[in-house]
């Protein structure tokens, strides 16, 4: 990339510039606007420490957001998103700059007012998205260190969902629905089995992982190999867990509004049966 030309300085950390390929862009970077004047050039060597919003709709939303955000927070967000970008091989959707900055600004405001929101699927988020959870932990530490505000552990889960959405190009509302659905499926399993699965066990982690990958396959419309002979065997041998597996697939189908391959019930039955056996072992102890 050749150099950028400053068009307007919004504050010390945000400028509007002219990009050789994208035309007018919004550039975010620590100290990027400090002592800059119109038509100054910014060398390509600075690119590693700045973000360029190229989509017009993202640029407009960010321009509207900037006047309402503490400049210390913008500087902190640069560190947070830079850390996330370096931590992941997948690129971050540039909407993360608007969505996460707005989210954290509101979380800080709630904190100041003494308003706290319970995160009902914090543990599930940590288990399903460990990479994003680490990014979110870094974010909460950075906010605490730079702004003196401790948003707490529950907020880590919400921030992790934002990172997951940015890495998978899903809107945060879709990511939240996905996490809520998994939490509801786990609750259904526990209710039907009359078994509170210990959350710090491999069994719980395996169940979450299985459900997560099943939902991802369904969301993508990915075909699952049919196992009609195995399906019949599972239905005869494990009627209770097979029935529960079918119930779970119907919940997935209804909530995702996508068809679920019958083979998913078979794979799920195998997993649930192992869980049922573990329940029996625990009850005998």
Protein backbone atom coordinates (compact mmCIF):
# COMPACT_ATOMS: atom_id res chain seq x y z
CA UNK A 1 0.00 0.00 0.00
CA UNK A 2 1.35 3.45 -0.89
CA UNK A 3 0.93 6.39 1.51
CA UNK A 4 -2.36 7.83 2.76
CA UNK A 5 -3.16 11.54 2.58
CA UNK A 6 -4.86 13.22 5.52
CA UNK A 7 -8.21 14.82 4.61
CA UNK A 8 -9.53 15.64 8.10
CA UNK A 9 -8.44 14.98 11.68
CA UNK A 10 -11.36 13.88 13.89
CA UNK A 11 -9.22 13.46 17.03
CA UNK A 12 -5.80 12.14 18.06
CA UNK A 13 -6.75 8.57 17.16
CA UNK A 14 -9.10 8.94 14.17
CA UNK A 15 -8.70 10.68 10.83
CA UNK A 16 -10.38 10.77 7.46
CA UNK A 17 -7.86 10.14 4.69
CA UNK A 18 -7.57 9.54 0.97
CA UNK A 19 -6.57 6.00 0.09
CA UNK A 20 -4.98 5.24 -3.33
CA UNK A 21 -7.38 2.30 -3.97
CA UNK A 22 -10.44 2.97 -1.80
CA UNK A 23 -10.80 6.76 -2.03
CA UNK A 24 -11.99 8.38 1.20
CA UNK A 25 -11.51 6.13 4.24
CA UNK A 26 -11.64 6.36 8.02
CA UNK A 27 -8.32 5.51 9.65
CA UNK A 28 -8.13 4.44 13.31
CA UNK A 29 -4.81 4.19 15.10
CA UNK A 30 -3.08 5.21 18.30
CA UNK A 31 -1.93 8.82 17.88
CA UNK A 32 -2.64 8.71 14.13
CA UNK A 33 -4.13 12.23 14.20
CA UNK A 34 -1.67 13.84 16.60
CA UNK A 35 -0.06 16.93 15.04
CA UNK A 36 -1.43 15.95 11.59
CA UNK A 37 -2.56 18.56 9.10
CA UNK A 38 -4.62 18.34 5.93
CA UNK A 39 -2.70 16.82 3.00
CA UNK A 40 -0.03 15.32 5.28
CA UNK A 41 1.13 11.88 4.12
CA UNK A 42 1.05 8.82 6.34
CA UNK A 43 3.66 6.22 5.32
CA UNK A 44 2.70 2.62 4.57
CA UNK A 45 5.02 1.52 7.38
CA UNK A 46 2.41 2.76 9.89
CA UNK A 47 -0.18 0.30 8.53
CA UNK A 48 0.54 -2.41 11.13
CA UNK A 49 -0.72 -0.17 13.93
CA UNK A 50 -3.81 1.27 12.28
CA UNK A 51 -7.15 0.11 10.89
CA UNK A 52 -8.75 1.37 7.70
CA UNK A 53 -12.54 1.33 7.30
CA UNK A 54 -13.16 1.02 3.57
CA UNK A 55 -16.94 0.36 3.45
CA UNK A 56 -18.97 3.60 3.18
CA UNK A 57 -21.68 2.42 5.58
CA UNK A 58 -19.10 1.44 8.21
CA UNK A 59 -17.31 4.76 7.78
CA UNK A 60 -20.51 6.74 8.24
CA UNK A 61 -21.53 4.81 11.36
CA UNK A 62 -18.08 5.26 12.89
CA UNK A 63 -18.05 9.00 12.14
CA UNK A 64 -21.38 9.30 13.98
CA UNK A 65 -20.05 7.27 16.91
CA UNK A 66 -16.71 9.08 17.45
CA UNK A 67 -18.08 12.34 18.98
CA UNK A 68 -19.84 10.35 21.72
CA UNK A 69 -16.84 8.21 22.70
CA UNK A 70 -14.14 9.09 25.22
CA UNK A 71 -10.84 9.38 23.35
CA UNK A 72 -9.16 7.18 25.96
CA UNK A 73 -11.63 4.45 25.05
CA UNK A 74 -10.86 4.81 21.33
CA UNK A 75 -7.17 4.42 22.15
CA UNK A 76 -7.91 1.36 24.30
CA UNK A 77 -10.10 -0.13 21.56
CA UNK A 78 -7.23 0.19 19.11
CA UNK A 79 -5.07 -1.98 21.41
CA UNK A 80 -7.93 -4.45 21.97
CA UNK A 81 -8.74 -4.95 18.28
CA UNK A 82 -5.06 -4.97 17.29
CA UNK A 83 -4.49 -7.78 19.82
CA UNK A 84 -7.46 -9.72 18.41
CA UNK A 85 -6.24 -9.26 14.82
CA UNK A 86 -2.79 -10.57 15.76
CA UNK A 87 -4.22 -13.48 17.77
CA UNK A 88 -6.33 -14.90 14.97
CA UNK A 89 -5.51 -16.20 11.52
CA UNK A 90 -8.97 -15.18 10.26
CA UNK A 91 -9.55 -11.50 9.40
CA UNK A 92 -11.90 -9.44 11.56
CA UNK A 93 -14.95 -7.91 9.92
CA UNK A 94 -14.41 -4.15 10.09
CA UNK A 95 -17.84 -3.68 11.69
CA UNK A 96 -16.18 -4.78 14.96
CA UNK A 97 -14.88 -1.21 15.34
CA UNK A 98 -18.42 0.16 15.52
CA UNK A 99 -20.22 -2.70 17.28
CA UNK A 100 -17.66 -3.46 19.97
CA UNK A 101 -16.73 0.17 20.66
CA UNK A 102 -20.41 1.04 21.08
CA UNK A 103 -21.00 -2.04 23.25
CA UNK A 104 -18.10 -1.34 25.60
CA UNK A 105 -18.94 2.37 25.85
CA UNK A 106 -22.46 1.40 26.95
CA UNK A 107 -21.09 -1.24 29.36
CA UNK A 108 -18.88 1.43 30.98
CA UNK A 109 -21.91 3.73 31.29
CA UNK A 110 -23.95 0.94 32.92
CA UNK A 111 -21.06 0.25 35.30
CA UNK A 112 -21.00 3.91 36.38
CA UNK A 113 -24.75 3.71 37.07
CA UNK A 114 -24.37 0.51 39.08
CA UNK A 115 -26.36 -1.53 36.55
CA UNK A 116 -25.16 -5.10 36.00
CA UNK A 117 -26.45 -7.61 33.46
CA UNK A 118 -26.28 -11.33 34.24
CA UNK A 119 -24.75 -13.45 31.46
CA UNK A 120 -26.74 -16.73 31.46
CA UNK A 121 -24.41 -18.53 29.02
CA UNK A 122 -20.98 -17.37 30.16
CA UNK A 123 -19.64 -20.89 30.70
CA UNK A 124 -20.95 -22.10 27.34
CA UNK A 125 -19.29 -19.16 25.59
CA UNK A 126 -15.94 -19.90 27.24
CA UNK A 127 -16.13 -23.56 26.25
CA UNK A 128 -17.33 -23.01 22.68
CA UNK A 129 -15.17 -20.04 21.74
CA UNK A 130 -11.91 -20.25 23.73
CA UNK A 131 -9.95 -18.09 21.25
CA UNK A 132 -12.52 -15.32 21.31
CA UNK A 133 -12.82 -15.63 25.10
CA UNK A 134 -9.08 -14.94 25.48
CA UNK A 135 -9.46 -11.87 23.24
CA UNK A 136 -12.31 -10.70 25.47
CA UNK A 137 -10.28 -11.27 28.64
CA UNK A 138 -7.57 -9.05 27.15
CA UNK A 139 -10.23 -6.44 26.35
CA UNK A 140 -11.56 -6.33 29.92
CA UNK A 141 -8.00 -6.15 31.33
CA UNK A 142 -7.16 -3.30 28.95
CA UNK A 143 -10.28 -1.32 29.91
CA UNK A 144 -9.43 -1.83 33.59
CA UNK A 145 -5.79 -0.80 33.14
CA UNK A 146 -6.36 2.18 30.82
CA UNK A 147 -9.71 3.53 32.03
CA UNK A 148 -9.82 2.25 35.62
CA UNK A 149 -13.14 0.45 35.03
CA UNK A 150 -13.50 -3.26 35.86
CA UNK A 151 -16.36 -4.55 33.71
CA UNK A 152 -16.17 -7.97 35.39
CA UNK A 153 -16.15 -11.55 34.19
CA UNK A 154 -19.72 -11.67 32.90
CA UNK A 155 -18.92 -8.95 30.39
CA UNK A 156 -16.08 -11.11 29.00
CA UNK A 157 -18.72 -13.48 27.62
CA UNK A 158 -20.62 -10.72 25.81
CA UNK A 159 -17.41 -9.30 24.30
CA UNK A 160 -16.32 -12.79 23.18
CA UNK A 161 -19.55 -13.08 21.16
CA UNK A 162 -18.69 -9.84 19.37
CA UNK A 163 -15.30 -11.24 18.42
CA UNK A 164 -16.87 -14.50 17.24
CA UNK A 165 -19.29 -12.54 15.07
CA UNK A 166 -16.44 -10.51 13.57
CA UNK A 167 -14.40 -13.65 12.81
CA UNK A 168 -17.30 -15.56 11.24
CA UNK A 169 -19.01 -12.57 9.58
CA UNK A 170 -22.16 -13.13 11.62
CA UNK A 171 -24.20 -10.34 13.11
CA UNK A 172 -23.99 -10.23 16.91
CA UNK A 173 -27.73 -10.94 17.17
CA UNK A 174 -27.21 -14.21 15.27
CA UNK A 175 -24.28 -15.17 17.50
CA UNK A 176 -26.38 -14.48 20.60
CA UNK A 177 -29.25 -16.60 19.25
CA UNK A 178 -26.77 -19.39 18.56
CA UNK A 179 -25.43 -19.29 22.15
CA UNK A 180 -28.92 -19.08 23.65
CA UNK A 181 -30.00 -22.08 21.55
CA UNK A 182 -27.09 -24.19 22.81
CA UNK A 183 -27.88 -23.20 26.41
CA UNK A 184 -31.53 -24.20 25.84
CA UNK A 185 -30.52 -27.53 24.28
CA UNK A 186 -28.28 -28.33 27.26
CA UNK A 187 -31.13 -27.42 29.63
CA UNK A 188 -33.45 -29.78 27.68
CA UNK A 189 -30.90 -32.62 27.98
CA UNK A 190 -30.52 -32.06 31.73
CA UNK A 191 -34.27 -31.84 32.24
CA UNK A 192 -35.08 -34.97 30.22
CA UNK A 193 -32.26 -36.98 31.81
CA UNK A 194 -32.92 -35.55 35.28
CA UNK A 195 -29.19 -34.98 35.47
CA UNK A 196 -27.33 -31.74 36.23
CA UNK A 197 -24.16 -32.24 34.18
CA UNK A 198 -21.16 -30.91 36.17
CA UNK A 199 -19.92 -27.89 34.23
CA UNK A 200 -16.26 -28.43 34.97
CA UNK A 201 -16.20 -31.91 33.41
CA UNK A 202 -15.10 -33.27 30.06
CA UNK A 203 -18.65 -34.61 29.58
CA UNK A 204 -20.08 -31.08 29.63
CA UNK A 205 -17.36 -29.78 27.31
CA UNK A 206 -17.96 -32.65 24.86
CA UNK A 207 -21.71 -31.99 24.80
CA UNK A 208 -21.22 -28.30 24.05
CA UNK A 209 -18.68 -29.07 21.33
CA UNK A 210 -20.98 -31.63 19.71
CA UNK A 211 -23.95 -29.25 19.73
CA UNK A 212 -21.83 -26.37 18.45
CA UNK A 213 -20.55 -28.34 15.45
CA UNK A 214 -24.03 -29.72 14.74
CA UNK A 215 -25.46 -26.17 14.65
CA UNK A 216 -22.61 -25.01 12.41
CA UNK A 217 -23.30 -27.86 9.97
CA UNK A 218 -27.00 -27.05 9.92
CA UNK A 219 -26.36 -23.32 9.48
CA UNK A 220 -24.09 -24.00 6.50
CA UNK A 221 -26.45 -26.62 5.05
CA UNK A 222 -23.64 -29.16 5.20
CA UNK A 223 -24.69 -32.70 4.28
CA UNK A 224 -24.23 -35.45 6.86
CA UNK A 225 -23.72 -39.04 5.71
CA UNK A 226 -26.88 -41.07 6.17
CA UNK A 227 -26.56 -44.14 8.40
CA UNK A 228 -29.94 -45.82 8.03
CA UNK A 229 -28.80 -49.24 9.34
CA UNK A 230 -27.07 -47.65 12.35
CA UNK A 231 -30.07 -45.37 12.83
CA UNK A 232 -32.39 -48.38 13.17
CA UNK A 233 -30.03 -50.09 15.58
CA UNK A 234 -29.74 -47.00 17.80
CA UNK A 235 -33.51 -46.59 17.83
CA UNK A 236 -33.97 -50.19 19.04
CA UNK A 237 -31.08 -50.30 21.50
CA UNK A 238 -31.37 -46.82 23.01
CA UNK A 239 -35.00 -45.70 22.66
CA UNK A 240 -34.83 -43.13 25.48
CA UNK A 241 -31.75 -41.27 24.24
CA UNK A 242 -32.82 -41.67 20.59
CA UNK A 243 -36.13 -39.97 21.42
CA UNK A 244 -34.27 -37.16 23.20
CA UNK A 245 -31.92 -36.76 20.23
CA UNK A 246 -34.90 -36.37 17.89
CA UNK A 247 -36.44 -33.80 20.22
CA UNK A 248 -33.20 -31.79 20.14
CA UNK A 249 -32.98 -31.90 16.33
CA UNK A 250 -36.58 -30.67 16.08
CA UNK A 251 -35.75 -27.74 18.41
CA UNK A 252 -32.74 -26.93 16.19
CA UNK A 253 -34.87 -27.13 13.07
CA UNK A 254 -37.55 -24.85 14.51
CA UNK A 255 -35.15 -22.24 15.92
CA UNK A 256 -32.72 -22.16 12.98
CA UNK A 257 -35.51 -22.44 10.40
CA UNK A 258 -33.35 -24.87 8.44
CA UNK A 259 -33.76 -28.59 7.73
CA UNK A 260 -31.77 -31.02 9.86
CA UNK A 261 -30.42 -34.21 8.31
CA UNK A 262 -31.83 -37.33 10.08
CA UNK A 263 -28.30 -38.62 10.60
CA UNK A 264 -27.72 -35.83 13.13
CA UNK A 265 -30.10 -37.63 15.52
CA UNK A 266 -28.03 -40.80 15.23
CA UNK A 267 -24.74 -39.08 16.02
CA UNK A 268 -26.37 -37.22 18.88
CA UNK A 269 -27.85 -40.46 20.31
CA UNK A 270 -24.37 -41.98 20.61
CA UNK A 271 -23.20 -38.94 22.53
CA UNK A 272 -26.26 -38.79 24.76
CA UNK A 273 -26.03 -42.50 25.55
CA UNK A 274 -22.49 -42.06 26.83
CA UNK A 275 -23.76 -39.20 28.98
CA UNK A 276 -26.60 -41.39 30.29
CA UNK A 277 -24.11 -44.10 31.24
CA UNK A 278 -21.98 -41.51 33.06
CA UNK A 279 -25.08 -40.41 34.98
CA UNK A 280 -25.63 -44.03 36.07
CA UNK A 281 -22.01 -44.34 37.21
CA UNK A 282 -22.26 -41.12 39.24
CA UNK A 283 -25.49 -42.26 40.93
CA UNK A 284 -23.82 -45.51 42.03
CA UNK A 285 -20.93 -43.66 43.66
